[in-house]
Amino acid sequence: MDITLKITKEQAQAKVPVTVFHLRGWLDAQNEEALLAAARDAYEEGSRFLLLDLSEVDTLTSAGMRAVQKVYKLYTPAEEHFKVARVKLCNAPPQVYHVLGITGFLQNIPNYENMQSAIDSFTE
């Protein structure tokens, strides 16, 4: 089993431009910085809406959740907290969805069952 995190990036157009990160592998302490660096790079390139495709994430640890939280804070201005979801998740496998649910993540960061419905949900 490959525990490294691989991130591929694509652009999607909805009502707003959306950056999509397809994550594959483990999202844990060893890979936390890779996600943060990719998110910072995309943000610096002008991305303001981010979708994390979790369909191929095998393991999500507390460090991985911390990384997602930091990405959320990077993309969400304080005055928009609870108003506009600029970071969303999709395709979380059952074990990852369970962890996200019991930790309360899904209260702030919505998860969608498929990528297209997640992309279509982005608005300014």
PDB file of N, CA and C in Angstrom:
ATOM      1  N   MET A   1       0.839  -1.185   0.000  1.00  0.00           N
ATOM      2  CA  MET A   1       0.000   0.000   0.000  1.00  0.00           C
ATOM      3  C   MET A   1       0.884   1.248   0.000  1.00  0.00           C
ATOM      4  N   ASP A   2       0.580   2.157  -0.882  1.00  0.00           N
ATOM      5  CA  ASP A   2       1.338   3.394  -1.010  1.00  0.00           C
ATOM      6  C   ASP A   2       0.761   4.437  -0.057  1.00  0.00           C
ATOM      7  N   ILE A   3       1.575   4.884   0.900  1.00  0.00           N
ATOM      8  CA  ILE A   3       1.074   5.843   1.886  1.00  0.00           C
ATOM      9  C   ILE A   3       1.419   7.293   1.542  1.00  0.00           C
ATOM     10  N   THR A   4       2.103   7.516   0.434  1.00  0.00           N
ATOM     11  CA  THR A   4       2.395   8.890   0.039  1.00  0.00           C
ATOM     12  C   THR A   4       1.115   9.548  -0.465  1.00  0.00           C
ATOM     13  N   LEU A   5       1.093  10.857  -0.462  1.00  0.00           N
ATOM     14  CA  LEU A   5      -0.057  11.607  -0.959  1.00  0.00           C
ATOM     15  C   LEU A   5       0.293  12.167  -2.332  1.00  0.00           C
ATOM     16  N   LYS A   6      -0.547  11.857  -3.285  1.00  0.00           N
ATOM     17  CA  LYS A   6      -0.382  12.413  -4.630  1.00  0.00           C
ATOM     18  C   LYS A   6      -1.523  13.389  -4.867  1.00  0.00           C
ATOM     19  N   ILE A   7      -1.175  14.550  -5.403  1.00  0.00           N
ATOM     20  CA  ILE A   7      -2.171  15.591  -5.656  1.00  0.00           C
ATOM     21  C   ILE A   7      -2.119  15.950  -7.134  1.00  0.00           C
ATOM     22  N   THR A   8      -3.238  15.809  -7.811  1.00  0.00           N
ATOM     23  CA  THR A   8      -3.336  16.314  -9.173  1.00  0.00           C
ATOM     24  C   THR A   8      -4.351  17.445  -9.156  1.00  0.00           C
ATOM     25  N   LYS A   9      -4.101  18.428  -9.990  1.00  0.00           N
ATOM     26  CA  LYS A   9      -4.901  19.652  -9.973  1.00  0.00           C
ATOM     27  C   LYS A   9      -5.554  19.859 -11.326  1.00  0.00           C
ATOM     28  N   GLU A  10      -6.789  20.332 -11.290  1.00  0.00           N
ATOM     29  CA  GLU A  10      -7.463  20.733 -12.521  1.00  0.00           C
ATOM     30  C   GLU A  10      -8.338  21.944 -12.231  1.00  0.00           C
ATOM     31  N   GLN A  11      -8.713  22.632 -13.279  1.00  0.00           N
ATOM     32  CA  GLN A  11      -9.616  23.782 -13.157  1.00  0.00           C
ATOM     33  C   GLN A  11     -10.982  23.382 -13.689  1.00  0.00           C
ATOM     34  N   ALA A  12     -12.014  23.821 -13.001  1.00  0.00           N
ATOM     35  CA  ALA A  12     -13.391  23.593 -13.436  1.00  0.00           C
ATOM     36  C   ALA A  12     -14.098  24.945 -13.426  1.00  0.00           C
ATOM     37  N   GLN A  13     -15.070  25.076 -14.297  1.00  0.00           N
ATOM     38  CA  GLN A  13     -15.811  26.331 -14.348  1.00  0.00           C
ATOM     39  C   GLN A  13     -17.252  26.077 -13.932  1.00  0.00           C
ATOM     40  N   ALA A  14     -17.676  26.773 -12.906  1.00  0.00           N
ATOM     41  CA  ALA A  14     -19.072  26.769 -12.476  1.00  0.00           C
ATOM     42  C   ALA A  14     -19.513  28.230 -12.569  1.00  0.00           C
ATOM     43  N   LYS A  15     -20.269  28.692 -11.605  1.00  0.00           N
ATOM     44  CA  LYS A  15     -20.587  30.126 -11.561  1.00  0.00           C
ATOM     45  C   LYS A  15     -19.330  30.924 -11.254  1.00  0.00           C
ATOM     46  N   VAL A  16     -18.349  30.233 -10.671  1.00  0.00           N
ATOM     47  CA  VAL A  16     -17.032  30.799 -10.373  1.00  0.00           C
ATOM     48  C   VAL A  16     -15.988  29.764 -10.795  1.00  0.00           C
ATOM     49  N   PRO A  17     -14.745  30.183 -11.039  1.00  0.00           N
ATOM     50  CA  PRO A  17     -13.699  29.200 -11.340  1.00  0.00           C
ATOM     51  C   PRO A  17     -13.353  28.394 -10.078  1.00  0.00           C
ATOM     52  N   VAL A  18     -13.271  27.097 -10.212  1.00  0.00           N
ATOM     53  CA  VAL A  18     -13.000  26.213  -9.083  1.00  0.00           C
ATOM     54  C   VAL A  18     -11.728  25.414  -9.362  1.00  0.00           C
ATOM     55  N   THR A  19     -10.816  25.412  -8.396  1.00  0.00           N
ATOM     56  CA  THR A  19      -9.637  24.552  -8.466  1.00  0.00           C
ATOM     57  C   THR A  19     -10.000  23.237  -7.804  1.00  0.00           C
ATOM     58  N   VAL A  20      -9.717  22.138  -8.489  1.00  0.00           N
ATOM     59  CA  VAL A  20     -10.017  20.809  -7.958  1.00  0.00           C
ATOM     60  C   VAL A  20      -8.701  20.096  -7.679  1.00  0.00           C
ATOM     61  N   PHE A  21      -8.543  19.630  -6.444  1.00  0.00           N
ATOM     62  CA  PHE A  21      -7.411  18.781  -6.088  1.00  0.00           C
ATOM     63  C   PHE A  21      -7.928  17.355  -5.963  1.00  0.00           C
ATOM     64  N   HIS A  22      -7.363  16.454  -6.754  1.00  0.00           N
ATOM     65  CA  HIS A  22      -7.657  15.033  -6.629  1.00  0.00           C
ATOM     66  C   HIS A  22      -6.567  14.456  -5.727  1.00  0.00           C
ATOM     67  N   LEU A  23      -6.953  13.987  -4.555  1.00  0.00           N
ATOM     68  CA  LEU A  23      -6.000  13.462  -3.584  1.00  0.00           C
ATOM     69  C   LEU A  23      -5.997  11.943  -3.643  1.00  0.00           C
ATOM     70  N   ARG A  24      -4.797  11.369  -3.577  1.00  0.00           N
ATOM     71  CA  ARG A  24      -4.666   9.910  -3.600  1.00  0.00           C
ATOM     72  C   ARG A  24      -3.608   9.485  -2.594  1.00  0.00           C
ATOM     73  N   GLY A  25      -3.977   8.568  -1.707  1.00  0.00           N
ATOM     74  CA  GLY A  25      -3.031   8.068  -0.716  1.00  0.00           C
ATOM     75  C   GLY A  25      -3.468   8.387   0.696  1.00  0.00           C
ATOM     76  N   TRP A  26      -2.517   8.660   1.541  1.00  0.00           N
ATOM     77  CA  TRP A  26      -2.781   8.944   2.950  1.00  0.00           C
ATOM     78  C   TRP A  26      -2.655  10.441   3.197  1.00  0.00           C
ATOM     79  N   LEU A  27      -3.607  10.989   3.924  1.00  0.00           N
ATOM     80  CA  LEU A  27      -3.533  12.385   4.360  1.00  0.00           C
ATOM     81  C   LEU A  27      -3.218  12.340   5.851  1.00  0.00           C
ATOM     82  N   ASP A  28      -1.931  12.452   6.157  1.00  0.00           N
ATOM     83  CA  ASP A  28      -1.451  12.290   7.528  1.00  0.00           C
ATOM     84  C   ASP A  28      -0.312  13.270   7.792  1.00  0.00           C
ATOM     85  N   ALA A  29       0.369  13.102   8.913  1.00  0.00           N
ATOM     86  CA  ALA A  29       1.428  14.040   9.316  1.00  0.00           C
ATOM     87  C   ALA A  29       2.555  14.114   8.289  1.00  0.00           C
ATOM     88  N   GLN A  30       2.891  12.987   7.663  1.00  0.00           N
ATOM     89  CA  GLN A  30       3.970  12.991   6.684  1.00  0.00           C
ATOM     90  C   GLN A  30       3.599  13.764   5.420  1.00  0.00           C
ATOM     91  N   ASN A  31       2.299  13.861   5.144  1.00  0.00           N
ATOM     92  CA  ASN A  31       1.848  14.474   3.898  1.00  0.00           C
ATOM     93  C   ASN A  31       1.104  15.785   4.091  1.00  0.00           C
ATOM     94  N   GLU A  32       0.981  16.207   5.331  1.00  0.00           N
ATOM     95  CA  GLU A  32       0.249  17.433   5.654  1.00  0.00           C
ATOM     96  C   GLU A  32       0.800  18.636   4.890  1.00  0.00           C
ATOM     97  N   GLU A  33       2.099  18.797   4.907  1.00  0.00           N
ATOM     98  CA  GLU A  33       2.714  19.968   4.284  1.00  0.00           C
ATOM     99  C   GLU A  33       2.529  19.974   2.767  1.00  0.00           C
ATOM    100  N   ALA A  34       2.469  18.804   2.152  1.00  0.00           N
ATOM    101  CA  ALA A  34       2.265  18.746   0.702  1.00  0.00           C
ATOM    102  C   ALA A  34       0.920  19.357   0.320  1.00  0.00           C
ATOM    103  N   LEU A  35      -0.132  19.036   1.078  1.00  0.00           N
ATOM    104  CA  LEU A  35      -1.441  19.613   0.802  1.00  0.00           C
ATOM    105  C   LEU A  35      -1.430  21.115   1.057  1.00  0.00           C
ATOM    106  N   LEU A  36      -0.837  21.539   2.153  1.00  0.00           N
ATOM    107  CA  LEU A  36      -0.785  22.973   2.467  1.00  0.00           C
ATOM    108  C   LEU A  36      -0.001  23.745   1.410  1.00  0.00           C
ATOM    109  N   ALA A  37       1.107  23.205   0.961  1.00  0.00           N
ATOM    110  CA  ALA A  37       1.915  23.878  -0.059  1.00  0.00           C
ATOM    111  C   ALA A  37       1.142  23.990  -1.375  1.00  0.00           C
ATOM    112  N   ALA A  38       0.468  22.916  -1.765  1.00  0.00           N
ATOM    113  CA  ALA A  38      -0.316  22.944  -3.009  1.00  0.00           C
ATOM    114  C   ALA A  38      -1.442  23.962  -2.906  1.00  0.00           C
ATOM    115  N   ALA A  39      -2.099  24.026  -1.753  1.00  0.00           N
ATOM    116  CA  ALA A  39      -3.192  24.984  -1.559  1.00  0.00           C
ATOM    117  C   ALA A  39      -2.679  26.418  -1.564  1.00  0.00           C
ATOM    118  N   ARG A  40      -1.549  26.646  -0.903  1.00  0.00           N
ATOM    119  CA  ARG A  40      -0.957  27.998  -0.901  1.00  0.00           C
ATOM    120  C   ARG A  40      -0.567  28.415  -2.309  1.00  0.00           C
ATOM    121  N   ASP A  41       0.045  27.509  -3.058  1.00  0.00           N
ATOM    122  CA  ASP A  41       0.442  27.817  -4.434  1.00  0.00           C
ATOM    123  C   ASP A  41      -0.781  28.178  -5.277  1.00  0.00           C
ATOM    124  N   ALA A  42      -1.823  27.386  -5.172  1.00  0.00           N
ATOM    125  CA  ALA A  42      -3.043  27.659  -5.945  1.00  0.00           C
ATOM    126  C   ALA A  42      -3.648  29.000  -5.531  1.00  0.00           C
ATOM    127  N   TYR A  43      -3.662  29.281  -4.243  1.00  0.00           N
ATOM    128  CA  TYR A  43      -4.219  30.541  -3.742  1.00  0.00           C
ATOM    129  C   TYR A  43      -3.407  31.727  -4.278  1.00  0.00           C
ATOM    130  N   GLU A  44      -2.086  31.593  -4.242  1.00  0.00           N
ATOM    131  CA  GLU A  44      -1.219  32.665  -4.747  1.00  0.00           C
ATOM    132  C   GLU A  44      -1.376  32.861  -6.249  1.00  0.00           C
ATOM    133  N   GLU A  45      -1.792  31.796  -6.964  1.00  0.00           N
ATOM    134  CA  GLU A  45      -2.033  31.897  -8.407  1.00  0.00           C
ATOM    135  C   GLU A  45      -3.425  32.454  -8.714  1.00  0.00           C
ATOM    136  N   GLY A  46      -4.207  32.751  -7.659  1.00  0.00           N
ATOM    137  CA  GLY A  46      -5.513  33.382  -7.863  1.00  0.00           C
ATOM    138  C   GLY A  46      -6.722  32.522  -7.566  1.00  0.00           C
ATOM    139  N   SER A  47      -6.518  31.279  -7.192  1.00  0.00           N
ATOM    140  CA  SER A  47      -7.650  30.409  -6.856  1.00  0.00           C
ATOM    141  C   SER A  47      -8.339  30.921  -5.596  1.00  0.00           C
ATOM    142  N   ARG A  48      -9.672  30.963  -5.615  1.00  0.00           N
ATOM    143  CA  ARG A  48     -10.427  31.386  -4.429  1.00  0.00           C
ATOM    144  C   ARG A  48     -11.481  30.363  -4.018  1.00  0.00           C
ATOM    145  N   PHE A  49     -11.671  29.338  -4.841  1.00  0.00           N
ATOM    146  CA  PHE A  49     -12.614  28.267  -4.545  1.00  0.00           C
ATOM    147  C   PHE A  49     -11.919  26.939  -4.798  1.00  0.00           C
ATOM    148  N   LEU A  50     -11.972  26.049  -3.805  1.00  0.00           N
ATOM    149  CA  LEU A  50     -11.207  24.811  -3.868  1.00  0.00           C
ATOM    150  C   LEU A  50     -12.104  23.616  -3.531  1.00  0.00           C
ATOM    151  N   LEU A  51     -12.014  22.600  -4.355  1.00  0.00           N
ATOM    152  CA  LEU A  51     -12.715  21.344  -4.124  1.00  0.00           C
ATOM    153  C   LEU A  51     -11.678  20.243  -3.914  1.00  0.00           C
ATOM    154  N   LEU A  52     -11.799  19.531  -2.810  1.00  0.00           N
ATOM    155  CA  LEU A  52     -10.909  18.416  -2.522  1.00  0.00           C
ATOM    156  C   LEU A  52     -11.646  17.114  -2.836  1.00  0.00           C
ATOM    157  N   ASP A  53     -11.182  16.413  -3.851  1.00  0.00           N
ATOM    158  CA  ASP A  53     -11.751  15.126  -4.234  1.00  0.00           C
ATOM    159  C   ASP A  53     -11.052  14.054  -3.393  1.00  0.00           C
ATOM    160  N   LEU A  54     -11.798  13.447  -2.486  1.00  0.00           N
ATOM    161  CA  LEU A  54     -11.228  12.492  -1.536  1.00  0.00           C
ATOM    162  C   LEU A  54     -11.428  11.037  -1.955  1.00  0.00           C
ATOM    163  N   SER A  55     -11.884  10.801  -3.170  1.00  0.00           N
ATOM    164  CA  SER A  55     -12.263   9.449  -3.587  1.00  0.00           C
ATOM    165  C   SER A  55     -11.148   8.420  -3.434  1.00  0.00           C
ATOM    166  N   GLU A  56      -9.906   8.846  -3.517  1.00  0.00           N
ATOM    167  CA  GLU A  56      -8.797   7.899  -3.421  1.00  0.00           C
ATOM    168  C   GLU A  56      -7.941   8.112  -2.171  1.00  0.00           C
ATOM    169  N   VAL A  57      -8.525   8.766  -1.157  1.00  0.00           N
ATOM    170  CA  VAL A  57      -7.827   8.919   0.120  1.00  0.00           C
ATOM    171  C   VAL A  57      -8.089   7.660   0.937  1.00  0.00           C
ATOM    172  N   ASP A  58      -7.016   6.948   1.249  1.00  0.00           N
ATOM    173  CA  ASP A  58      -7.133   5.693   1.994  1.00  0.00           C
ATOM    174  C   ASP A  58      -7.246   5.919   3.492  1.00  0.00           C
ATOM    175  N   THR A  59      -6.491   6.892   3.999  1.00  0.00           N
ATOM    176  CA  THR A  59      -6.438   7.146   5.435  1.00  0.00           C
ATOM    177  C   THR A  59      -6.428   8.642   5.685  1.00  0.00           C
ATOM    178  N   LEU A  60      -7.234   9.065   6.648  1.00  0.00           N
ATOM    179  CA  LEU A  60      -7.266  10.463   7.085  1.00  0.00           C
ATOM    180  C   LEU A  60      -7.016  10.476   8.582  1.00  0.00           C
ATOM    181  N   THR A  61      -5.897  11.060   8.993  1.00  0.00           N
ATOM    182  CA  THR A  61      -5.548  11.117  10.417  1.00  0.00           C
ATOM    183  C   THR A  61      -5.852  12.508  10.959  1.00  0.00           C
ATOM    184  N   SER A  62      -5.602  12.696  12.249  1.00  0.00           N
ATOM    185  CA  SER A  62      -5.829  14.011  12.857  1.00  0.00           C
ATOM    186  C   SER A  62      -4.944  15.074  12.204  1.00  0.00           C
ATOM    187  N   ALA A  63      -3.747  14.712  11.807  1.00  0.00           N
ATOM    188  CA  ALA A  63      -2.870  15.666  11.114  1.00  0.00           C
ATOM    189  C   ALA A  63      -3.442  16.021   9.750  1.00  0.00           C
ATOM    190  N   GLY A  64      -4.048  15.050   9.078  1.00  0.00           N
ATOM    191  CA  GLY A  64      -4.697  15.320   7.802  1.00  0.00           C
ATOM    192  C   GLY A  64      -5.877  16.261   7.976  1.00  0.00           C
ATOM    193  N   MET A  65      -6.643  16.055   9.041  1.00  0.00           N
ATOM    194  CA  MET A  65      -7.770  16.957   9.314  1.00  0.00           C
ATOM    195  C   MET A  65      -7.270  18.361   9.632  1.00  0.00           C
ATOM    196  N   ARG A  66      -6.151  18.438  10.347  1.00  0.00           N
ATOM    197  CA  ARG A  66      -5.550  19.742  10.634  1.00  0.00           C
ATOM    198  C   ARG A  66      -5.155  20.440   9.331  1.00  0.00           C
ATOM    199  N   ALA A  67      -4.621  19.690   8.390  1.00  0.00           N
ATOM    200  CA  ALA A  67      -4.245  20.263   7.094  1.00  0.00           C
ATOM    201  C   ALA A  67      -5.472  20.798   6.368  1.00  0.00           C
ATOM    202  N   VAL A  68      -6.563  20.029   6.361  1.00  0.00           N
ATOM    203  CA  VAL A  68      -7.799  20.489   5.716  1.00  0.00           C
ATOM    204  C   VAL A  68      -8.306  21.748   6.403  1.00  0.00           C
ATOM    205  N   GLN A  69      -8.238  21.791   7.726  1.00  0.00           N
ATOM    206  CA  GLN A  69      -8.674  22.980   8.473  1.00  0.00           C
ATOM    207  C   GLN A  69      -7.827  24.202   8.106  1.00  0.00           C
ATOM    208  N   LYS A  70      -6.524  24.026   7.962  1.00  0.00           N
ATOM    209  CA  LYS A  70      -5.642  25.138   7.584  1.00  0.00           C
ATOM    210  C   LYS A  70      -5.960  25.622   6.167  1.00  0.00           C
ATOM    211  N   VAL A  71      -6.262  24.698   5.274  1.00  0.00           N
ATOM    212  CA  VAL A  71      -6.655  25.073   3.909  1.00  0.00           C
ATOM    213  C   VAL A  71      -7.957  25.872   3.960  1.00  0.00           C
ATOM    214  N   TYR A  72      -8.897  25.404   4.761  1.00  0.00           N
ATOM    215  CA  TYR A  72     -10.174  26.118   4.941  1.00  0.00           C
ATOM    216  C   TYR A  72      -9.926  27.555   5.420  1.00  0.00           C
ATOM    217  N   LYS A  73      -9.059  27.710   6.402  1.00  0.00           N
ATOM    218  CA  LYS A  73      -8.756  29.057   6.931  1.00  0.00           C
ATOM    219  C   LYS A  73      -8.075  29.929   5.883  1.00  0.00           C
ATOM    220  N   LEU A  74      -7.201  29.338   5.077  1.00  0.00           N
ATOM    221  CA  LEU A  74      -6.522  30.088   4.023  1.00  0.00           C
ATOM    222  C   LEU A  74      -7.519  30.640   3.015  1.00  0.00           C
ATOM    223  N   TYR A  75      -8.493  29.841   2.643  1.00  0.00           N
ATOM    224  CA  TYR A  75      -9.441  30.209   1.593  1.00  0.00           C
ATOM    225  C   TYR A  75     -10.660  30.979   2.103  1.00  0.00           C
ATOM    226  N   THR A  76     -10.904  30.994   3.404  1.00  0.00           N
ATOM    227  CA  THR A  76     -12.121  31.595   3.933  1.00  0.00           C
ATOM    228  C   THR A  76     -11.797  32.833   4.755  1.00  0.00           C
ATOM    229  N   PRO A  77     -12.070  34.022   4.206  1.00  0.00           N
ATOM    230  CA  PRO A  77     -11.852  35.243   4.985  1.00  0.00           C
ATOM    231  C   PRO A  77     -12.712  35.220   6.254  1.00  0.00           C
ATOM    232  N   ALA A  78     -12.194  35.790   7.326  1.00  0.00           N
ATOM    233  CA  ALA A  78     -12.886  35.756   8.615  1.00  0.00           C
ATOM    234  C   ALA A  78     -14.307  36.296   8.532  1.00  0.00           C
ATOM    235  N   GLU A  79     -14.507  37.353   7.755  1.00  0.00           N
ATOM    236  CA  GLU A  79     -15.845  37.941   7.661  1.00  0.00           C
ATOM    237  C   GLU A  79     -16.823  37.057   6.881  1.00  0.00           C
ATOM    238  N   GLU A  80     -16.329  36.049   6.185  1.00  0.00           N
ATOM    239  CA  GLU A  80     -17.205  35.160   5.425  1.00  0.00           C
ATOM    240  C   GLU A  80     -17.410  33.815   6.112  1.00  0.00           C
ATOM    241  N   HIS A  81     -16.808  33.635   7.269  1.00  0.00           N
ATOM    242  CA  HIS A  81     -16.950  32.384   7.998  1.00  0.00           C
ATOM    243  C   HIS A  81     -18.433  32.090   8.206  1.00  0.00           C
ATOM    244  N   PHE A  82     -18.874  30.918   7.850  1.00  0.00           N
ATOM    245  CA  PHE A  82     -20.276  30.476   7.920  1.00  0.00           C
ATOM    246  C   PHE A  82     -21.171  31.110   6.868  1.00  0.00           C
ATOM    247  N   LYS A  83     -20.633  31.904   5.945  1.00  0.00           N
ATOM    248  CA  LYS A  83     -21.464  32.536   4.918  1.00  0.00           C
ATOM    249  C   LYS A  83     -21.271  31.888   3.556  1.00  0.00           C
ATOM    250  N   VAL A  84     -20.028  31.809   3.103  1.00  0.00           N
ATOM    251  CA  VAL A  84     -19.726  31.260   1.785  1.00  0.00           C
ATOM    252  C   VAL A  84     -18.724  30.123   1.960  1.00  0.00           C
ATOM    253  N   ALA A  85     -19.074  28.949   1.479  1.00  0.00           N
ATOM    254  CA  ALA A  85     -18.148  27.814   1.546  1.00  0.00           C
ATOM    255  C   ALA A  85     -17.205  27.889   0.348  1.00  0.00           C
ATOM    256  N   ARG A  86     -15.970  28.257   0.610  1.00  0.00           N
ATOM    257  CA  ARG A  86     -14.973  28.363  -0.450  1.00  0.00           C
ATOM    258  C   ARG A  86     -14.167  27.081  -0.605  1.00  0.00           C
ATOM    259  N   VAL A  87     -14.243  26.201   0.384  1.00  0.00           N
ATOM    260  CA  VAL A  87     -13.599  24.893   0.323  1.00  0.00           C
ATOM    261  C   VAL A  87     -14.689  23.849   0.528  1.00  0.00           C
ATOM    262  N   LYS A  88     -14.726  22.875  -0.369  1.00  0.00           N
ATOM    263  CA  LYS A  88     -15.709  21.798  -0.272  1.00  0.00           C
ATOM    264  C   LYS A  88     -15.017  20.470  -0.534  1.00  0.00           C
ATOM    265  N   LEU A  89     -15.678  19.416  -0.125  1.00  0.00           N
ATOM    266  CA  LEU A  89     -15.158  18.063  -0.287  1.00  0.00           C
ATOM    267  C   LEU A  89     -16.115  17.269  -1.157  1.00  0.00           C
ATOM    268  N   CYS A  90     -15.592  16.244  -1.807  1.00  0.00           N
ATOM    269  CA  CYS A  90     -16.477  15.334  -2.533  1.00  0.00           C
ATOM    270  C   CYS A  90     -15.893  13.938  -2.534  1.00  0.00           C
ATOM    271  N   ASN A  91     -16.792  12.974  -2.731  1.00  0.00           N
ATOM    272  CA  ASN A  91     -16.416  11.573  -2.915  1.00  0.00           C
ATOM    273  C   ASN A  91     -15.662  10.952  -1.742  1.00  0.00           C
ATOM    274  N   ALA A  92     -15.938  11.399  -0.527  1.00  0.00           N
ATOM    275  CA  ALA A  92     -15.244  10.815   0.629  1.00  0.00           C
ATOM    276  C   ALA A  92     -15.630   9.348   0.780  1.00  0.00           C
ATOM    277  N   PRO A  93     -14.645   8.442   0.822  1.00  0.00           N
ATOM    278  CA  PRO A  93     -14.955   7.039   1.064  1.00  0.00           C
ATOM    279  C   PRO A  93     -15.605   6.880   2.450  1.00  0.00           C
ATOM    280  N   PRO A  94     -16.333   5.797   2.677  1.00  0.00           N
ATOM    281  CA  PRO A  94     -17.055   5.642   3.944  1.00  0.00           C
ATOM    282  C   PRO A  94     -16.193   5.850   5.195  1.00  0.00           C
ATOM    283  N   GLN A  95     -14.987   5.289   5.226  1.00  0.00           N
ATOM    284  CA  GLN A  95     -14.150   5.426   6.415  1.00  0.00           C
ATOM    285  C   GLN A  95     -13.705   6.870   6.628  1.00  0.00           C
ATOM    286  N   VAL A  96     -13.461   7.606   5.561  1.00  0.00           N
ATOM    287  CA  VAL A  96     -13.065   9.010   5.663  1.00  0.00           C
ATOM    288  C   VAL A  96     -14.280   9.868   6.024  1.00  0.00           C
ATOM    289  N   TYR A  97     -15.403   9.595   5.405  1.00  0.00           N
ATOM    290  CA  TYR A  97     -16.636  10.323   5.709  1.00  0.00           C
ATOM    291  C   TYR A  97     -16.998  10.165   7.184  1.00  0.00           C
ATOM    292  N   HIS A  98     -16.844   8.977   7.709  1.00  0.00           N
ATOM    293  CA  HIS A  98     -17.152   8.719   9.120  1.00  0.00           C
ATOM    294  C   HIS A  98     -16.282   9.589  10.030  1.00  0.00           C
ATOM    295  N   VAL A  99     -14.995   9.634   9.756  1.00  0.00           N
ATOM    296  CA  VAL A  99     -14.076  10.444  10.564  1.00  0.00           C
ATOM    297  C   VAL A  99     -14.462  11.927  10.470  1.00  0.00           C
ATOM    298  N   LEU A 100     -14.750  12.391   9.271  1.00  0.00           N
ATOM    299  CA  LEU A 100     -15.147  13.791   9.090  1.00  0.00           C
ATOM    300  C   LEU A 100     -16.439  14.098   9.843  1.00  0.00           C
ATOM    301  N   GLY A 101     -17.357  13.155   9.842  1.00  0.00           N
ATOM    302  CA  GLY A 101     -18.636  13.358  10.519  1.00  0.00           C
ATOM    303  C   GLY A 101     -18.512  13.406  12.023  1.00  0.00           C
ATOM    304  N   ILE A 102     -17.788  12.458  12.613  1.00  0.00           N
ATOM    305  CA  ILE A 102     -17.711  12.418  14.077  1.00  0.00           C
ATOM    306  C   ILE A 102     -16.852  13.538  14.650  1.00  0.00           C
ATOM    307  N   THR A 103     -15.987  14.128  13.839  1.00  0.00           N
ATOM    308  CA  THR A 103     -15.151  15.231  14.323  1.00  0.00           C
ATOM    309  C   THR A 103     -15.794  16.593  14.105  1.00  0.00           C
ATOM    310  N   GLY A 104     -16.940  16.641  13.430  1.00  0.00           N
ATOM    311  CA  GLY A 104     -17.631  17.914  13.221  1.00  0.00           C
ATOM    312  C   GLY A 104     -17.193  18.688  11.995  1.00  0.00           C
ATOM    313  N   PHE A 105     -16.282  18.144  11.208  1.00  0.00           N
ATOM    314  CA  PHE A 105     -15.789  18.864  10.023  1.00  0.00           C
ATOM    315  C   PHE A 105     -16.898  19.214   9.046  1.00  0.00           C
ATOM    316  N   LEU A 106     -17.865  18.326   8.922  1.00  0.00           N
ATOM    317  CA  LEU A 106     -18.896  18.516   7.906  1.00  0.00           C
ATOM    318  C   LEU A 106     -19.871  19.636   8.262  1.00  0.00           C
ATOM    319  N   GLN A 107     -19.751  20.201   9.459  1.00  0.00           N
ATOM    320  CA  GLN A 107     -20.575  21.355   9.827  1.00  0.00           C
ATOM    321  C   GLN A 107     -20.116  22.610   9.094  1.00  0.00           C
ATOM    322  N   ASN A 108     -18.829  22.709   8.821  1.00  0.00           N
ATOM    323  CA  ASN A 108     -18.268  23.885   8.149  1.00  0.00           C
ATOM    324  C   ASN A 108     -17.872  23.626   6.703  1.00  0.00           C
ATOM    325  N   ILE A 109     -17.468  22.413   6.418  1.00  0.00           N
ATOM    326  CA  ILE A 109     -16.963  22.077   5.091  1.00  0.00           C
ATOM    327  C   ILE A 109     -17.885  21.017   4.492  1.00  0.00           C
ATOM    328  N   PRO A 110     -18.736  21.399   3.550  1.00  0.00           N
ATOM    329  CA  PRO A 110     -19.687  20.429   3.007  1.00  0.00           C
ATOM    330  C   PRO A 110     -19.021  19.361   2.146  1.00  0.00           C
ATOM    331  N   ASN A 111     -19.610  18.174   2.184  1.00  0.00           N
ATOM    332  CA  ASN A 111     -19.160  17.058   1.362  1.00  0.00           C
ATOM    333  C   ASN A 111     -20.272  16.693   0.382  1.00  0.00           C
ATOM    334  N   TYR A 112     -19.904  16.431  -0.858  1.00  0.00           N
ATOM    335  CA  TYR A 112     -20.863  16.062  -1.902  1.00  0.00           C
ATOM    336  C   TYR A 112     -20.551  14.660  -2.384  1.00  0.00           C
ATOM    337  N   GLU A 113     -21.590  13.974  -2.840  1.00  0.00           N
ATOM    338  CA  GLU A 113     -21.427  12.584  -3.264  1.00  0.00           C
ATOM    339  C   GLU A 113     -20.707  12.445  -4.591  1.00  0.00           C
ATOM    340  N   ASN A 114     -20.725  13.506  -5.411  1.00  0.00           N
ATOM    341  CA  ASN A 114     -19.977  13.440  -6.665  1.00  0.00           C
ATOM    342  C   ASN A 114     -19.386  14.798  -6.996  1.00  0.00           C
ATOM    343  N   MET A 115     -18.408  14.774  -7.860  1.00  0.00           N
ATOM    344  CA  MET A 115     -17.659  15.985  -8.169  1.00  0.00           C
ATOM    345  C   MET A 115     -18.521  17.026  -8.874  1.00  0.00           C
ATOM    346  N   GLN A 116     -19.363  16.615  -9.798  1.00  0.00           N
ATOM    347  CA  GLN A 116     -20.153  17.592 -10.554  1.00  0.00           C
ATOM    348  C   GLN A 116     -21.117  18.356  -9.659  1.00  0.00           C
ATOM    349  N   SER A 117     -21.774  17.676  -8.730  1.00  0.00           N
ATOM    350  CA  SER A 117     -22.696  18.392  -7.841  1.00  0.00           C
ATOM    351  C   SER A 117     -21.934  19.344  -6.925  1.00  0.00           C
ATOM    352  N   ALA A 118     -20.736  18.972  -6.528  1.00  0.00           N
ATOM    353  CA  ALA A 118     -19.912  19.862  -5.715  1.00  0.00           C
ATOM    354  C   ALA A 118     -19.500  21.095  -6.509  1.00  0.00           C
ATOM    355  N   ILE A 119     -19.051  20.906  -7.736  1.00  0.00           N
ATOM    356  CA  ILE A 119     -18.649  22.034  -8.589  1.00  0.00           C
ATOM    357  C   ILE A 119     -19.834  22.963  -8.838  1.00  0.00           C
ATOM    358  N   ASP A 120     -20.985  22.379  -9.151  1.00  0.00           N
ATOM    359  CA  ASP A 120     -22.180  23.192  -9.417  1.00  0.00           C
ATOM    360  C   ASP A 120     -22.636  23.990  -8.207  1.00  0.00           C
ATOM    361  N   SER A 121     -22.256  23.569  -7.007  1.00  0.00           N
ATOM    362  CA  SER A 121     -22.713  24.248  -5.792  1.00  0.00           C
ATOM    363  C   SER A 121     -21.934  25.524  -5.472  1.00  0.00           C
ATOM    364  N   PHE A 122     -20.811  25.752  -6.113  1.00  0.00           N
ATOM    365  CA  PHE A 122     -20.004  26.943  -5.816  1.00  0.00           C
ATOM    366  C   PHE A 122     -20.662  28.195  -6.384  1.00  0.00           C
ATOM    367  N   THR A 123     -20.769  29.216  -5.542  1.00  0.00           N
ATOM    368  CA  THR A 123     -21.260  30.535  -5.953  1.00  0.00           C
ATOM    369  C   THR A 123     -20.415  31.584  -5.260  1.00  0.00           C
ATOM    370  N   GLU A 124     -20.527  32.811  -5.702  1.00  0.00           N
ATOM    371  CA  GLU A 124     -19.765  33.877  -5.028  1.00  0.00           C
ATOM    372  C   GLU A 124     -20.433  34.292  -3.761  1.00  0.00           C
TER     373      GLU A 124
END
